[in-house]
Amino acid sequence: MNYREIGNTGVRVSEIGFGTGDNAGLMVKATPEDMERTVARALELGINYFDCSPDYGKGVAETNLGRILKKLGAHPVITTKIEIGPQNKEDIPGRVLQSIDESLARLQVDHVDFLEIHNAPAARHNPRTEDVVRNQGAHSFGPPWIPLVLEDYIGEKGALGALDRLQSGGKVRFFGFACEHAESEAAKRLLDTGRFHIINVWLNLMNPTSGWPKPAGLSVDYDYGQVIDYAAAHGAGVAVIRPLAGGATTGASGRHALAGGGMSRNPEPFLAEQRRASPLGFLAKRDRSLAAAAYQFILSHPGVSTVVGGYSELAHMEEAVSCSGRGPLTSDEMRRVHEVWEADFKIPASRT
């Protein structure tokens, strides 16, 4: 296992991390024995970075991770998060303080190394977006969390004051924010403050824009504006999430039985994205899967601190670990990847 520093924090973490989200499902739905076996094997292979959130299984993932780490006597680097819902907007600091205490209790620790605001930063409030999010909260999966504007992070009544209190009180070593569906310029303004030491970002073969300029011809839902480079220039580390585009670049014929999240509740967008990814199939070879190629691609970016894999079973984690130190994709492979991007994934598989 190779290790990289998270920004200028001095904290060195495995370049392959361990994600606990319900999208992969292991730490939410697997048997206790399978969870423990996979976490123990991850530690044995050198993984020392675990990413969790109270949103994953509505506390179940944190509870399971805390129980297993305590049983194993392990003390890896842990990141967890805070979600701010519409119901919390009038007291964001209070929500931060309450949520971390609940997470620490579930994790059975007295502090976490990194605490992130899970809400994506936005330049201004968008009532239409917030109405959609509120309507989503009507389902049975719990209250939603919404994009936050800069004032919600760093204003007088924002999250930053509470984060400072947690840091001075020893409950949190460093803090950051997630950039899932973020507006890149808003994320960069937060990084300009120098107060945030880690960000979570999407970077994968379907959307490379957090790490590289958007290729001509490629259509993406979000252009993340090379925020990874911006973070590195401002001393912040980067934990990459969704490295396999939610499973679209696994090369598998469907989703794992444990996989959850929105893609399982509504599989059609996932299946469409998987079909869209088919021109990348040339990256799969006799001794390397498409998923492994996706990890190699991400790890080639020097601004990436760790790639947070989402694992549904032990074999997924072991394959991810095998990519550490394997090196980047070849120049010819990257040339062909760029051809796929520039054609917006419309190149027939026979040509690739």
Protein backbone atom coordinates (compact mmCIF):
# COMPACT_ATOMS: atom_id res chain seq x y z
CA MET A 1 0.00 0.00 0.00
CA ASN A 2 1.23 3.46 -0.89
CA TYR A 3 0.44 6.45 1.34
CA ARG A 4 -0.17 10.12 0.63
CA GLU A 5 -0.50 13.18 2.83
CA ILE A 6 -3.86 14.92 3.20
CA GLY A 7 -2.99 18.44 2.14
CA ASN A 8 -0.68 20.13 4.63
CA THR A 9 -2.13 18.38 7.69
CA GLY A 10 0.77 15.98 8.16
CA VAL A 11 -1.75 13.10 8.21
CA ARG A 12 -0.66 10.30 5.88
CA VAL A 13 -3.35 7.96 4.63
CA SER A 14 -3.57 4.93 2.40
CA GLU A 15 -4.19 5.94 -1.20
CA ILE A 16 -7.01 3.40 -1.18
CA GLY A 17 -9.62 4.23 1.45
CA PHE A 18 -12.64 2.37 2.81
CA GLY A 19 -16.09 3.82 2.14
CA THR A 20 -19.09 2.78 4.20
CA GLY A 21 -21.98 4.21 2.16
CA ASP A 22 -25.21 2.44 1.34
CA ASN A 23 -24.55 2.74 -2.39
CA ALA A 24 -22.19 -0.24 -2.03
CA GLY A 25 -23.99 -1.57 1.02
CA LEU A 26 -21.43 -3.74 2.81
CA MET A 27 -21.38 -1.78 6.07
CA VAL A 28 -25.15 -1.38 6.08
CA LYS A 29 -26.61 -4.68 4.84
CA ALA A 30 -23.95 -7.42 5.07
CA THR A 31 -23.79 -9.94 7.89
CA PRO A 32 -21.75 -8.91 10.94
CA GLU A 33 -19.26 -11.65 10.10
CA ASP A 34 -18.71 -10.39 6.54
CA MET A 35 -18.35 -6.81 7.75
CA GLU A 36 -15.76 -7.75 10.34
CA ARG A 37 -13.86 -10.00 7.94
CA THR A 38 -13.64 -7.25 5.32
CA VAL A 39 -12.60 -4.50 7.75
CA ALA A 40 -9.97 -6.76 9.32
CA ARG A 41 -8.60 -7.65 5.90
CA ALA A 42 -8.55 -3.98 4.89
CA LEU A 43 -6.45 -3.12 7.93
CA GLU A 44 -4.17 -6.06 7.21
CA LEU A 45 -3.64 -4.81 3.65
CA GLY A 46 -2.71 -1.35 4.89
CA ILE A 47 -5.93 0.66 4.57
CA ASN A 48 -5.89 3.26 7.33
CA TYR A 49 -8.56 5.68 6.08
CA PHE A 50 -12.26 5.07 6.72
CA ASP A 51 -14.97 7.39 5.43
CA CYS A 52 -18.44 7.40 6.99
CA SER A 53 -21.47 9.58 7.59
CA PRO A 54 -24.59 9.55 9.75
CA ASP A 55 -26.49 9.47 6.46
CA TYR A 56 -25.16 6.01 5.54
CA GLY A 57 -27.87 3.64 6.67
CA LYS A 58 -29.15 6.46 8.92
CA GLY A 59 -26.44 5.76 11.49
CA VAL A 60 -26.11 2.02 10.85
CA ALA A 61 -22.75 2.25 9.06
CA GLU A 62 -21.18 4.33 11.85
CA THR A 63 -22.52 1.94 14.46
CA ASN A 64 -21.16 -1.11 12.63
CA LEU A 65 -17.78 0.48 11.96
CA GLY A 66 -17.42 1.59 15.58
CA ARG A 67 -18.30 -1.84 16.91
CA ILE A 68 -15.84 -3.61 14.61
CA LEU A 69 -12.93 -1.22 15.16
CA LYS A 70 -13.38 -1.48 18.91
CA LYS A 71 -13.41 -5.27 18.74
CA LEU A 72 -10.29 -5.28 16.59
CA GLY A 73 -8.54 -2.69 18.76
CA ALA A 74 -7.86 -0.58 15.65
CA HIS A 75 -7.52 3.20 15.48
CA PRO A 76 -7.42 4.26 11.82
CA VAL A 77 -7.99 7.73 10.42
CA ILE A 78 -11.75 8.37 10.42
CA THR A 79 -13.77 10.96 8.52
CA THR A 80 -17.42 11.53 9.21
CA LYS A 81 -19.85 14.22 8.15
CA ILE A 82 -22.64 16.62 9.12
CA GLU A 83 -25.84 17.01 7.10
CA ILE A 84 -27.77 20.27 7.30
CA GLY A 85 -31.44 19.84 6.37
CA PRO A 86 -34.06 22.53 5.78
CA GLN A 87 -35.20 22.00 9.36
CA ASN A 88 -31.68 22.94 10.61
CA LYS A 89 -31.21 26.20 8.70
CA GLU A 90 -32.12 28.41 11.67
CA ASP A 91 -29.46 26.84 13.91
CA ILE A 92 -26.62 25.45 11.81
CA PRO A 93 -24.04 25.58 14.67
CA GLY A 94 -26.42 23.68 16.94
CA ARG A 95 -26.89 21.01 14.30
CA VAL A 96 -23.10 20.63 13.88
CA LEU A 97 -22.56 20.19 17.62
CA GLN A 98 -25.45 17.76 18.04
CA SER A 99 -24.56 15.64 15.01
CA ILE A 100 -20.91 15.09 15.90
CA ASP A 101 -21.79 13.97 19.43
CA GLU A 102 -24.20 11.44 17.97
CA SER A 103 -21.57 10.22 15.51
CA LEU A 104 -18.88 9.89 18.18
CA ALA A 105 -21.26 7.80 20.28
CA ARG A 106 -22.01 5.48 17.38
CA LEU A 107 -18.33 5.20 16.42
CA GLN A 108 -17.34 4.66 20.07
CA VAL A 109 -14.49 7.18 19.86
CA ASP A 110 -13.77 10.48 21.56
CA HIS A 111 -12.74 12.27 18.36
CA VAL A 112 -12.55 11.96 14.59
CA ASP A 113 -9.66 13.06 12.44
CA PHE A 114 -11.76 14.84 9.82
CA LEU A 115 -15.29 16.23 9.93
CA GLU A 116 -16.93 17.38 6.70
CA ILE A 117 -20.04 19.35 5.93
CA HIS A 118 -21.82 16.95 3.59
CA ASN A 119 -23.91 19.65 1.89
CA ALA A 120 -22.61 20.89 -1.44
CA PRO A 121 -21.56 24.56 -1.58
CA ALA A 122 -23.52 26.86 -3.88
CA ALA A 123 -23.15 30.54 -4.78
CA ARG A 124 -26.75 31.40 -3.89
CA HIS A 125 -29.90 29.77 -2.63
CA ASN A 126 -31.98 28.21 -5.37
CA PRO A 127 -35.61 27.92 -4.19
CA ARG A 128 -36.43 25.50 -7.02
CA THR A 129 -33.62 23.13 -6.01
CA GLU A 130 -34.53 23.37 -2.35
CA ASP A 131 -38.20 22.64 -3.11
CA VAL A 132 -37.16 19.49 -4.97
CA VAL A 133 -35.02 18.42 -2.03
CA ARG A 134 -37.83 19.09 0.42
CA ASN A 135 -40.20 16.99 -1.68
CA GLN A 136 -37.66 14.17 -1.67
CA GLY A 137 -37.84 14.27 2.10
CA ALA A 138 -41.37 12.93 1.89
CA HIS A 139 -40.05 9.43 1.20
CA SER A 140 -39.16 7.01 3.97
CA PHE A 141 -35.41 7.46 3.83
CA GLY A 142 -35.23 10.38 6.23
CA PRO A 143 -35.04 14.19 5.96
CA PRO A 144 -32.99 15.59 3.08
CA TRP A 145 -30.01 17.89 3.18
CA ILE A 146 -29.70 20.85 0.86
CA PRO A 147 -26.97 22.91 -0.83
CA LEU A 148 -25.52 25.62 1.39
CA VAL A 149 -24.34 29.08 0.41
CA LEU A 150 -21.06 30.50 1.63
CA GLU A 151 -22.73 32.37 4.49
CA ASP A 152 -24.06 29.05 5.80
CA TYR A 153 -20.49 27.81 6.02
CA ILE A 154 -18.48 30.82 7.13
CA GLY A 155 -20.99 33.52 8.10
CA GLU A 156 -21.70 34.70 11.64
CA LYS A 157 -24.46 32.08 12.01
CA GLY A 158 -22.72 29.47 9.88
CA ALA A 159 -20.97 26.19 10.58
CA LEU A 160 -17.40 27.45 10.93
CA GLY A 161 -17.70 28.75 14.50
CA ALA A 162 -19.02 25.39 15.69
CA LEU A 163 -16.27 23.57 13.80
CA ASP A 164 -13.69 25.76 15.56
CA ARG A 165 -15.23 24.87 18.93
CA LEU A 166 -15.05 21.17 18.12
CA GLN A 167 -11.43 21.48 17.07
CA SER A 168 -10.40 23.40 20.18
CA GLY A 169 -12.30 20.89 22.30
CA GLY A 170 -10.44 17.96 20.78
CA LYS A 171 -13.45 16.28 19.15
CA VAL A 172 -12.24 17.02 15.62
CA ARG A 173 -8.69 17.40 14.34
CA PHE A 174 -9.46 18.96 10.93
CA PHE A 175 -12.54 19.83 8.92
CA GLY A 176 -13.66 20.11 5.32
CA PHE A 177 -16.65 19.77 3.02
CA ALA A 178 -18.07 17.54 0.31
CA CYS A 179 -18.38 18.61 -3.32
CA GLU A 180 -21.01 16.19 -4.59
CA HIS A 181 -23.07 18.27 -7.06
CA ALA A 182 -21.20 21.37 -5.90
CA GLU A 183 -20.78 24.62 -7.78
CA SER A 184 -17.04 24.68 -8.34
CA GLU A 185 -16.62 28.44 -7.88
CA ALA A 186 -18.40 28.30 -4.52
CA ALA A 187 -16.15 25.42 -3.45
CA LYS A 188 -13.09 27.44 -4.45
CA ARG A 189 -14.24 30.43 -2.40
CA LEU A 190 -14.40 28.19 0.66
CA LEU A 191 -10.90 26.90 -0.06
CA ASP A 192 -9.71 30.53 -0.33
CA THR A 193 -10.37 30.92 3.39
CA GLY A 194 -7.62 28.44 4.24
CA ARG A 195 -9.84 26.97 6.95
CA PHE A 196 -10.80 23.70 5.25
CA HIS A 197 -8.25 20.88 5.03
CA ILE A 198 -10.07 18.19 3.05
CA ILE A 199 -12.74 17.93 0.38
CA ASN A 200 -14.65 14.98 -1.02
CA VAL A 201 -15.04 15.12 -4.81
CA TRP A 202 -16.31 13.00 -7.66
CA LEU A 203 -13.61 11.92 -10.10
CA ASN A 204 -14.11 9.02 -12.46
CA LEU A 205 -13.90 7.93 -16.08
CA MET A 206 -17.40 9.27 -16.73
CA ASN A 207 -16.63 12.77 -15.45
CA PRO A 208 -12.95 13.80 -15.13
CA THR A 209 -13.61 17.52 -14.63
CA SER A 210 -12.60 17.76 -10.98
CA GLY A 211 -9.06 16.80 -12.00
CA TRP A 212 -8.69 17.80 -15.64
CA PRO A 213 -10.18 20.37 -18.05
CA LYS A 214 -13.49 19.26 -19.53
CA PRO A 215 -12.74 17.63 -22.88
CA ALA A 216 -14.33 19.28 -25.91
CA GLY A 217 -17.51 17.43 -26.79
CA LEU A 218 -18.03 15.78 -23.40
CA SER A 219 -21.34 16.53 -21.72
CA VAL A 220 -21.47 16.34 -17.92
CA ASP A 221 -24.12 17.21 -15.37
CA TYR A 222 -21.54 19.11 -13.31
CA ASP A 223 -18.27 20.67 -14.44
CA TYR A 224 -16.17 20.61 -11.25
CA GLY A 225 -13.63 23.06 -12.67
CA GLN A 226 -10.44 21.21 -11.69
CA VAL A 227 -11.21 21.78 -8.03
CA ILE A 228 -8.64 19.11 -7.10
CA ASP A 229 -5.81 21.30 -8.40
CA TYR A 230 -7.28 24.30 -6.60
CA ALA A 231 -7.47 22.36 -3.35
CA ALA A 232 -3.86 21.22 -3.67
CA ALA A 233 -2.72 24.79 -4.29
CA HIS A 234 -4.49 25.83 -1.06
CA GLY A 235 -3.06 23.07 1.13
CA ALA A 236 -6.18 20.91 1.20
CA GLY A 237 -6.33 17.18 0.63
CA VAL A 238 -8.76 15.35 -1.62
CA ALA A 239 -10.72 12.17 -0.95
CA VAL A 240 -12.22 10.93 -4.21
CA ILE A 241 -15.70 9.44 -3.96
CA ARG A 242 -17.72 7.57 -6.60
CA PRO A 243 -14.51 6.31 -8.28
CA LEU A 244 -16.56 3.78 -10.28
CA ALA A 245 -19.33 6.26 -11.13
CA GLY A 246 -21.73 4.57 -8.75
CA GLY A 247 -20.97 1.20 -10.31
CA ALA A 248 -21.30 2.21 -13.97
CA THR A 249 -17.62 1.45 -14.66
CA THR A 250 -17.38 -1.88 -12.88
CA GLY A 251 -18.01 -3.86 -16.05
CA ALA A 252 -20.59 -5.90 -14.12
CA SER A 253 -23.91 -6.81 -15.73
CA GLY A 254 -25.95 -5.37 -12.85
CA ARG A 255 -25.82 -4.13 -9.30
CA HIS A 256 -24.68 -6.20 -6.35
CA ALA A 257 -27.36 -7.65 -4.08
CA LEU A 258 -26.19 -5.42 -1.20
CA ALA A 259 -26.02 -2.24 -3.26
CA GLY A 260 -28.47 0.42 -2.16
CA GLY A 261 -29.03 4.14 -2.50
CA GLY A 262 -31.00 5.93 -5.18
CA MET A 263 -29.57 3.79 -7.95
CA SER A 264 -31.25 0.72 -6.53
CA ARG A 265 -34.52 2.50 -5.80
CA ASN A 266 -34.56 3.78 -9.40
CA PRO A 267 -32.25 1.57 -11.48
CA GLU A 268 -33.03 2.97 -14.93
CA PRO A 269 -30.59 5.95 -14.72
CA PHE A 270 -27.88 3.56 -13.52
CA LEU A 271 -28.50 1.16 -16.40
CA ALA A 272 -28.40 4.07 -18.85
CA GLU A 273 -25.07 5.25 -17.39
CA GLN A 274 -23.69 1.72 -17.59
CA ARG A 275 -24.64 1.55 -21.27
CA ARG A 276 -23.06 4.96 -21.80
CA ALA A 277 -19.81 3.63 -20.30
CA SER A 278 -19.59 0.68 -22.68
CA PRO A 279 -17.06 2.34 -25.08
CA LEU A 280 -14.57 2.24 -22.21
CA GLY A 281 -14.66 -1.54 -22.24
CA PHE A 282 -11.33 -1.69 -24.07
CA LEU A 283 -9.64 -0.86 -20.75
CA ALA A 284 -10.56 -4.28 -19.38
CA LYS A 285 -7.87 -6.84 -20.18
CA ARG A 286 -7.00 -10.36 -19.23
CA ASP A 287 -5.09 -9.23 -16.14
CA ARG A 288 -7.10 -6.08 -15.31
CA SER A 289 -10.77 -5.26 -14.91
CA LEU A 290 -12.43 -2.03 -15.99
CA ALA A 291 -12.82 -1.17 -12.29
CA ALA A 292 -9.08 -1.52 -11.72
CA ALA A 293 -8.38 0.70 -14.73
CA ALA A 294 -10.70 3.30 -13.20
CA TYR A 295 -8.68 3.30 -9.96
CA GLN A 296 -5.41 3.61 -11.90
CA PHE A 297 -6.80 6.60 -13.77
CA ILE A 298 -7.76 8.41 -10.56
CA LEU A 299 -4.52 7.64 -8.73
CA SER A 300 -2.54 9.20 -11.58
CA HIS A 301 -3.61 12.64 -10.36
CA PRO A 302 -1.03 13.98 -7.87
CA GLY A 303 -3.63 16.06 -6.03
CA VAL A 304 -5.60 12.99 -4.94
CA SER A 305 -4.91 11.99 -1.33
CA THR A 306 -7.04 8.85 -1.20
CA VAL A 307 -9.64 7.06 -3.30
CA VAL A 308 -12.62 6.05 -1.19
CA GLY A 309 -13.83 2.77 -2.59
CA GLY A 310 -17.38 1.63 -2.01
CA TYR A 311 -17.28 -2.12 -1.43
CA SER A 312 -20.11 -4.62 -1.52
CA GLU A 313 -17.86 -7.55 -0.69
CA LEU A 314 -14.32 -8.37 0.35
CA ALA A 315 -13.14 -9.09 -3.20
CA HIS A 316 -14.02 -5.56 -4.28
CA MET A 317 -11.80 -4.12 -1.58
CA GLU A 318 -8.92 -6.46 -2.40
CA GLU A 319 -9.09 -5.50 -6.08
CA ALA A 320 -8.97 -1.81 -5.20
CA VAL A 321 -5.93 -2.34 -2.97
CA SER A 322 -4.16 -4.16 -5.82
CA CYS A 323 -4.23 -0.88 -7.79
CA SER A 324 -2.03 0.95 -5.29
CA GLY A 325 1.36 1.51 -6.89
CA ARG A 326 0.30 -0.02 -10.18
CA GLY A 327 0.97 3.16 -12.12
CA PRO A 328 -1.16 5.22 -14.51
CA LEU A 329 -2.89 4.10 -17.67
CA THR A 330 -0.61 4.09 -20.70
CA SER A 331 -0.43 7.06 -23.03
CA ASP A 332 -2.16 5.04 -25.74
CA GLU A 333 -4.95 4.06 -23.36
CA MET A 334 -5.42 7.69 -22.34
CA ARG A 335 -5.47 8.77 -25.98
CA ARG A 336 -8.33 6.36 -26.61
CA VAL A 337 -10.12 7.48 -23.44
CA HIS A 338 -9.94 11.07 -24.69
CA GLU A 339 -11.44 9.95 -28.00
CA VAL A 340 -14.37 8.47 -26.09
CA TRP A 341 -14.81 11.65 -24.05
CA GLU A 342 -14.63 13.93 -27.07
CA ALA A 343 -17.27 11.81 -28.82
CA ASP A 344 -19.41 12.03 -25.65
CA PHE A 345 -19.32 8.24 -25.29
CA LYS A 346 -20.95 7.72 -28.68
CA ILE A 347 -18.04 5.72 -30.12
CA PRO A 348 -19.23 2.17 -30.92
CA ALA A 349 -17.53 -0.46 -28.77
CA SER A 350 -16.22 -2.12 -31.95
CA ARG A 351 -14.05 0.92 -32.68
CA THR A 352 -12.44 0.95 -29.27
